[in-house]
Protein backbone atom coordinates (compact mmCIF):
# COMPACT_ATOMS: atom_id res chain seq x y z
CA MET A 1 1.98 -34.65 47.04
CA ALA A 2 -1.80 -36.06 47.05
CA ALA A 3 -3.72 -35.19 43.77
CA ASP A 4 -7.27 -33.89 43.75
CA LYS A 5 -9.25 -36.85 43.11
CA SER A 6 -11.59 -34.88 41.13
CA LEU A 7 -9.40 -34.01 38.31
CA ILE A 8 -7.43 -36.12 35.64
CA PRO A 9 -5.58 -38.94 37.26
CA LEU A 10 -1.86 -38.59 36.69
CA GLY A 11 0.69 -41.55 36.86
CA THR A 12 3.63 -42.76 35.17
CA MET A 13 4.18 -45.98 32.91
CA ILE A 14 6.32 -48.85 34.17
CA ARG A 15 7.35 -51.81 31.80
CA GLY A 16 5.89 -55.16 32.21
CA GLY A 17 8.06 -58.38 33.35
CA GLU A 18 9.90 -59.59 36.42
CA LYS A 19 10.75 -56.58 37.51
CA THR A 20 7.13 -54.67 37.41
CA ARG A 21 6.73 -55.14 41.18
CA ARG A 22 10.34 -53.24 41.92
CA SER A 23 9.63 -50.76 39.44
CA LEU A 24 5.91 -49.67 41.02
CA GLU A 25 7.50 -49.68 44.86
CA ARG A 26 9.95 -47.30 43.25
CA PHE A 27 7.27 -45.17 41.70
CA ILE A 28 4.32 -45.56 44.04
CA PRO A 29 5.82 -43.10 46.82
CA ILE A 30 5.94 -39.96 44.87
CA GLY A 31 2.31 -39.78 44.60
CA ILE A 32 0.93 -41.39 41.33
CA GLU A 33 -2.56 -42.19 40.86
CA SER A 34 -2.38 -44.34 38.01
CA VAL A 35 0.12 -46.73 36.05
CA GLN A 36 0.04 -47.64 32.38
CA ILE A 37 1.60 -51.32 32.41
CA PHE A 38 3.34 -51.54 28.93
CA PHE A 39 5.20 -54.23 27.07
CA TRP A 40 7.99 -53.71 24.65
CA GLU A 41 7.63 -56.07 20.97
CA VAL A 42 6.43 -58.96 23.01
CA LEU A 43 4.71 -60.09 26.51
CA PRO A 44 7.63 -62.20 28.30
CA GLU A 45 6.77 -65.53 29.76
CA THR A 46 6.95 -64.31 32.76
CA ALA A 47 4.00 -62.06 32.51
CA ASP A 48 1.27 -64.49 32.92
CA LEU A 49 -2.35 -64.89 34.76
CA SER A 50 -0.47 -64.70 38.07
CA TRP A 51 1.78 -62.17 37.35
CA MET A 52 -1.03 -60.22 36.53
CA GLU A 53 -2.91 -60.96 39.43
CA GLU A 54 0.22 -59.89 41.55
CA THR A 55 0.42 -56.61 40.03
CA ALA A 56 -3.16 -56.11 40.06
CA ALA A 57 -3.16 -56.68 43.77
CA VAL A 58 -0.10 -54.39 44.56
CA CYS A 59 -2.08 -51.53 42.89
CA ARG A 60 -5.25 -52.23 44.53
CA GLN A 61 -3.87 -52.25 47.71
CA LYS A 62 -1.93 -48.77 47.05
CA GLY A 63 -5.05 -47.41 45.59
CA ILE A 64 -3.45 -47.27 42.10
CA LEU A 65 -5.33 -47.41 38.91
CA ILE A 66 -4.21 -49.42 36.20
CA SER A 67 -5.28 -47.00 33.37
CA ALA A 68 -4.12 -49.32 30.68
CA LEU A 69 -2.10 -51.99 29.14
CA GLY A 70 -0.12 -51.31 26.26
CA LEU A 71 1.89 -53.64 23.90
CA TYR A 72 4.22 -51.92 21.70
CA ALA A 73 5.07 -54.28 18.65
CA ASN A 74 5.30 -54.67 14.85
CA PRO A 75 2.87 -57.37 13.93
CA LEU A 76 3.73 -56.37 10.06
CA ARG A 77 7.15 -57.15 10.25
CA ASP A 78 7.15 -60.64 9.30
CA LEU A 79 4.88 -63.85 9.82
CA GLU A 80 6.56 -64.81 12.78
CA HIS A 81 5.90 -61.42 14.39
CA ARG A 82 2.44 -61.40 13.30
CA ASP A 83 1.46 -64.54 15.06
CA LYS A 84 3.59 -63.71 18.20
CA ALA A 85 1.44 -60.09 18.04
CA ALA A 86 -1.46 -62.18 17.63
CA ALA A 87 -1.29 -64.50 20.69
CA ASP A 88 0.07 -61.45 23.02
CA TRP A 89 -2.99 -59.28 22.37
CA THR A 90 -5.36 -62.05 22.85
CA LEU A 91 -3.81 -62.20 26.30
CA LEU A 92 -3.42 -58.57 26.89
CA LEU A 93 -7.46 -58.16 26.04
CA ASP A 94 -7.69 -61.26 28.54
CA PHE A 95 -5.81 -59.54 31.30
CA ALA A 96 -7.84 -56.07 30.58
CA SER A 97 -11.20 -57.84 30.94
CA ARG A 98 -10.18 -59.70 33.94
CA PHE A 99 -8.90 -57.26 35.94
CA ASP A 100 -11.19 -53.99 35.10
CA ILE A 101 -8.71 -52.39 33.08
CA PRO A 102 -10.30 -49.93 30.17
CA VAL A 103 -8.00 -49.58 27.81
CA VAL A 104 -5.15 -51.52 25.78
CA SER A 105 -2.74 -49.71 23.70
CA GLY A 106 0.05 -49.72 21.23
CA PHE A 107 1.51 -49.34 17.87
CA THR A 108 -0.63 -50.04 14.85
CA GLY A 109 2.58 -52.11 12.94
CA ARG A 110 4.19 -51.29 9.35
CA ILE A 111 6.08 -53.07 6.95
CA PRO A 112 9.46 -52.09 7.43
CA GLY A 113 10.95 -49.60 5.13
CA THR A 114 7.86 -48.70 3.07
CA PRO A 115 5.65 -45.59 2.82
CA LEU A 116 2.62 -45.53 4.81
CA GLU A 117 0.12 -46.76 2.38
CA LYS A 118 1.76 -50.01 1.83
CA SER A 119 0.69 -50.89 5.38
CA TYR A 120 -2.88 -49.76 5.50
CA GLU A 121 -4.41 -53.03 4.23
CA GLY A 122 -2.10 -54.97 6.61
CA VAL A 123 -3.25 -52.53 9.66
CA ARG A 124 -6.93 -53.08 9.13
CA ASP A 125 -6.50 -56.97 8.43
CA PHE A 126 -4.74 -57.21 11.51
CA PHE A 127 -6.71 -55.32 13.77
CA THR A 128 -10.37 -56.04 12.52
CA PRO A 129 -10.31 -59.32 14.79
CA ILE A 130 -8.93 -57.41 17.94
CA THR A 131 -11.17 -54.43 17.72
CA GLU A 132 -14.08 -56.55 17.37
CA ALA A 133 -12.95 -58.55 20.51
CA CYS A 134 -12.41 -55.49 22.36
CA LEU A 135 -15.63 -54.01 21.42
CA ALA A 136 -16.95 -57.94 22.61
CA LYS A 137 -15.32 -57.18 25.84
CA ASN A 138 -16.26 -53.60 26.17
CA LEU A 139 -12.42 -52.52 26.06
CA LYS A 140 -10.88 -49.30 24.53
CA LEU A 141 -8.12 -49.74 21.99
CA ALA A 142 -6.06 -46.68 21.62
CA PHE A 143 -3.28 -46.40 18.84
CA GLU A 144 -0.11 -44.08 19.95
CA ASN A 145 0.45 -41.55 17.75
CA CYS A 146 4.40 -42.12 17.57
CA SER A 147 6.34 -42.14 14.32
CA MET A 148 9.63 -44.49 16.07
CA GLU A 149 11.49 -42.02 13.69
CA GLY A 150 9.77 -42.87 10.68
CA ASP A 151 7.97 -40.48 8.37
CA GLN A 152 5.53 -40.64 5.57
CA SER A 153 8.41 -42.45 2.91
CA GLN A 154 9.35 -45.04 5.19
CA GLY A 155 9.60 -46.23 8.88
CA ASP A 156 9.42 -49.75 10.54
CA TRP A 157 7.05 -49.41 13.67
CA ASN A 158 3.65 -47.36 13.25
CA ILE A 159 1.33 -45.28 11.06
CA ALA A 160 -0.67 -43.65 13.57
CA PHE A 161 1.49 -40.75 14.00
CA LEU A 162 -0.20 -38.19 11.54
CA PRO A 163 -4.04 -36.84 12.05
CA GLU A 164 -4.71 -37.93 8.29
CA VAL A 165 -4.09 -41.41 9.12
CA TRP A 166 -6.31 -40.93 12.29
CA GLU A 167 -8.73 -40.44 9.40
CA LEU A 168 -8.19 -43.25 7.68
CA LEU A 169 -8.30 -45.61 10.87
CA LEU A 170 -10.92 -44.14 13.32
CA ASN A 171 -13.51 -43.02 10.14
CA ASP A 172 -12.93 -45.41 7.81
CA TYR A 173 -11.63 -48.83 9.43
CA PHE A 174 -12.44 -48.65 12.79
CA PRO A 175 -15.50 -46.16 13.21
CA ASP A 176 -16.52 -47.13 16.51
CA ARG A 177 -15.90 -45.13 19.28
CA ASN A 178 -14.08 -47.46 21.54
CA ILE A 179 -11.19 -47.39 19.04
CA GLY A 180 -9.38 -44.72 19.33
CA LEU A 181 -5.97 -42.89 20.17
CA GLU A 182 -3.25 -43.01 22.75
CA TYR A 183 -2.61 -39.30 22.68
CA GLU A 184 1.34 -38.37 23.00
CA PRO A 185 1.84 -34.42 22.94
CA GLY A 186 5.81 -34.82 22.37
CA HIS A 187 5.26 -36.61 18.86
CA LEU A 188 2.56 -34.12 17.87
CA VAL A 189 5.51 -31.37 18.89
CA ARG A 190 7.80 -32.95 16.64
CA LEU A 191 5.80 -32.71 13.73
CA GLY A 192 5.47 -29.00 14.60
CA ILE A 193 1.56 -29.50 15.82
CA PRO A 194 0.49 -27.75 19.01
CA ALA A 195 -0.52 -30.44 21.64
CA SER A 196 -4.29 -29.07 22.06
CA GLU A 197 -4.59 -28.58 18.53
CA PRO A 198 -6.77 -31.78 17.48
CA VAL A 199 -8.03 -32.15 20.81
CA ARG A 200 -11.38 -31.06 19.94
CA GLN A 201 -11.72 -32.83 16.32
CA TRP A 202 -11.00 -36.13 18.37
CA LYS A 203 -12.59 -35.53 21.50
CA HIS A 204 -14.66 -38.54 21.44
CA ARG A 205 -11.64 -40.66 20.36
CA ILE A 206 -9.05 -39.99 23.03
CA HIS A 207 -8.92 -43.03 25.28
CA HIS A 208 -4.94 -42.64 27.30
CA ILE A 209 -2.63 -39.87 27.14
CA HIS A 210 0.99 -40.21 27.68
CA GLY A 211 2.96 -37.22 29.43
CA LYS A 212 5.68 -36.35 27.36
CA ASP A 213 7.16 -32.71 25.85
CA ALA A 214 9.47 -31.73 23.26
CA PRO A 215 11.94 -28.53 24.12
CA ALA A 216 10.98 -26.98 20.57
CA LEU A 217 8.76 -27.63 17.67
CA PHE A 218 10.28 -30.14 15.10
CA ALA A 219 13.05 -30.82 18.27
CA ASP A 220 15.03 -34.05 17.90
CA GLU A 221 14.41 -35.01 21.52
CA PHE A 222 11.72 -35.42 24.46
CA CYS A 223 11.24 -33.89 27.58
CA PHE A 224 8.67 -34.25 30.68
CA PRO A 225 5.45 -31.51 31.06
CA GLY A 226 6.92 -28.53 32.32
CA GLU A 227 10.23 -28.88 30.59
CA GLY A 228 9.27 -28.33 27.18
CA VAL A 229 7.18 -26.38 24.67
CA SER A 230 3.65 -26.94 25.04
CA ASP A 231 0.96 -25.49 26.52
CA TRP A 232 -0.18 -27.75 29.19
CA PRO A 233 -2.62 -25.67 31.26
CA ASN A 234 -4.62 -25.07 27.93
CA LEU A 235 -4.14 -28.66 26.95
CA LEU A 236 -5.76 -30.23 30.22
CA GLU A 237 -8.44 -27.41 29.85
CA GLU A 238 -9.57 -28.87 26.73
CA LEU A 239 -9.25 -32.02 28.09
CA LYS A 240 -11.32 -31.09 30.54
CA SER A 241 -14.06 -29.18 28.51
CA ILE A 242 -14.40 -32.64 26.33
CA GLN A 243 -15.03 -34.64 29.60
CA TYR A 244 -12.05 -36.81 29.17
CA GLN A 245 -12.47 -39.81 31.09
CA GLY A 246 -9.04 -41.58 31.16
CA THR A 247 -5.55 -40.70 33.02
CA LEU A 248 -2.31 -38.81 32.13
CA ASP A 249 0.84 -41.11 32.54
CA LEU A 250 4.14 -39.54 32.31
CA GLU A 251 6.41 -41.74 29.71
CA GLY A 252 9.86 -41.37 31.30
CA TYR A 253 13.19 -42.78 30.76
CA HIS A 254 13.78 -40.77 27.36
CA GLY A 255 17.05 -39.09 26.80
CA GLN A 256 20.25 -40.35 28.29
CA PHE A 257 19.82 -42.20 31.34
CA VAL A 258 21.96 -41.06 34.38
CA SER A 259 19.77 -42.80 37.39
CA HIS A 260 16.55 -44.13 38.75
CA GLU A 261 17.09 -41.70 41.38
CA GLN A 262 17.32 -38.63 38.98
CA GLU A 263 14.43 -39.88 36.91
CA LYS A 264 12.46 -40.11 40.23
CA GLU A 265 13.23 -36.76 40.73
CA ARG A 266 12.28 -35.51 37.10
CA GLN A 267 9.09 -37.23 37.29
CA VAL A 268 8.35 -35.78 41.08
CA ARG A 269 8.72 -32.23 39.53
CA SER A 270 6.66 -32.88 36.52
CA LEU A 271 3.65 -34.16 38.31
CA ASP A 272 3.87 -31.18 40.71
CA TYR A 273 3.83 -28.93 37.67
CA LEU A 274 0.89 -30.80 35.79
CA ARG A 275 -1.03 -30.51 38.94
CA THR A 276 -0.35 -26.63 39.00
CA CYS A 277 -2.02 -26.55 35.54
CA PHE A 278 -5.47 -27.64 36.63
């Protein structure tokens, strides 16, 4: 089903690596307009410049926008992880700049097993040169609001899952508007926060959106838009009212995996649902 190109582009997330092209070929036929290419923990050796050129060429040929490149790593785990993450972020920014990809995104990192505040300085110190590089390349950096099962007292991956931490990161540490959020409604719902509630306050700092929901407030599981509790027509109306310039890419493969075919069918239903919400 083709989407109205004047609306917020709708797409999906696909993992970067040797299977990227196969995954693109699986999901392009369902009518996606955009794709976020993401990496878990590290960029694999296969994700080199020639791989990026091939990936960009496939998307360009099919008229698919690469909306963002994501790296979901923890640079604060230890020195080895910090060095690898620094190198991977540098490569990610180079890819984004070369191929006109407007957003890079990921976790802040977190010192494992410690309260949030123990990681504040480490996040600031690690990301200061990255934010400076983003500004020099005119890229947007977006921190995802995913807790990875952490809370205020302990966690292993990310500190940017609470609005009060956004205040610190985006107002105190990184005040430039190019530094912002990868807005994830499902994680807000799990905290008991309606998905559209923070949009107006952070309207200039929402740079990318993950299409994911939860079946109820404080739920322990996730689902696609159209299957959960969030008011997506209201959220999309809020996004249009603030002239949101990014995309909304479904985050799939959550819950128990059954088959690629079932995953594709659920994503088709979710995309169709979202198109009725505009």
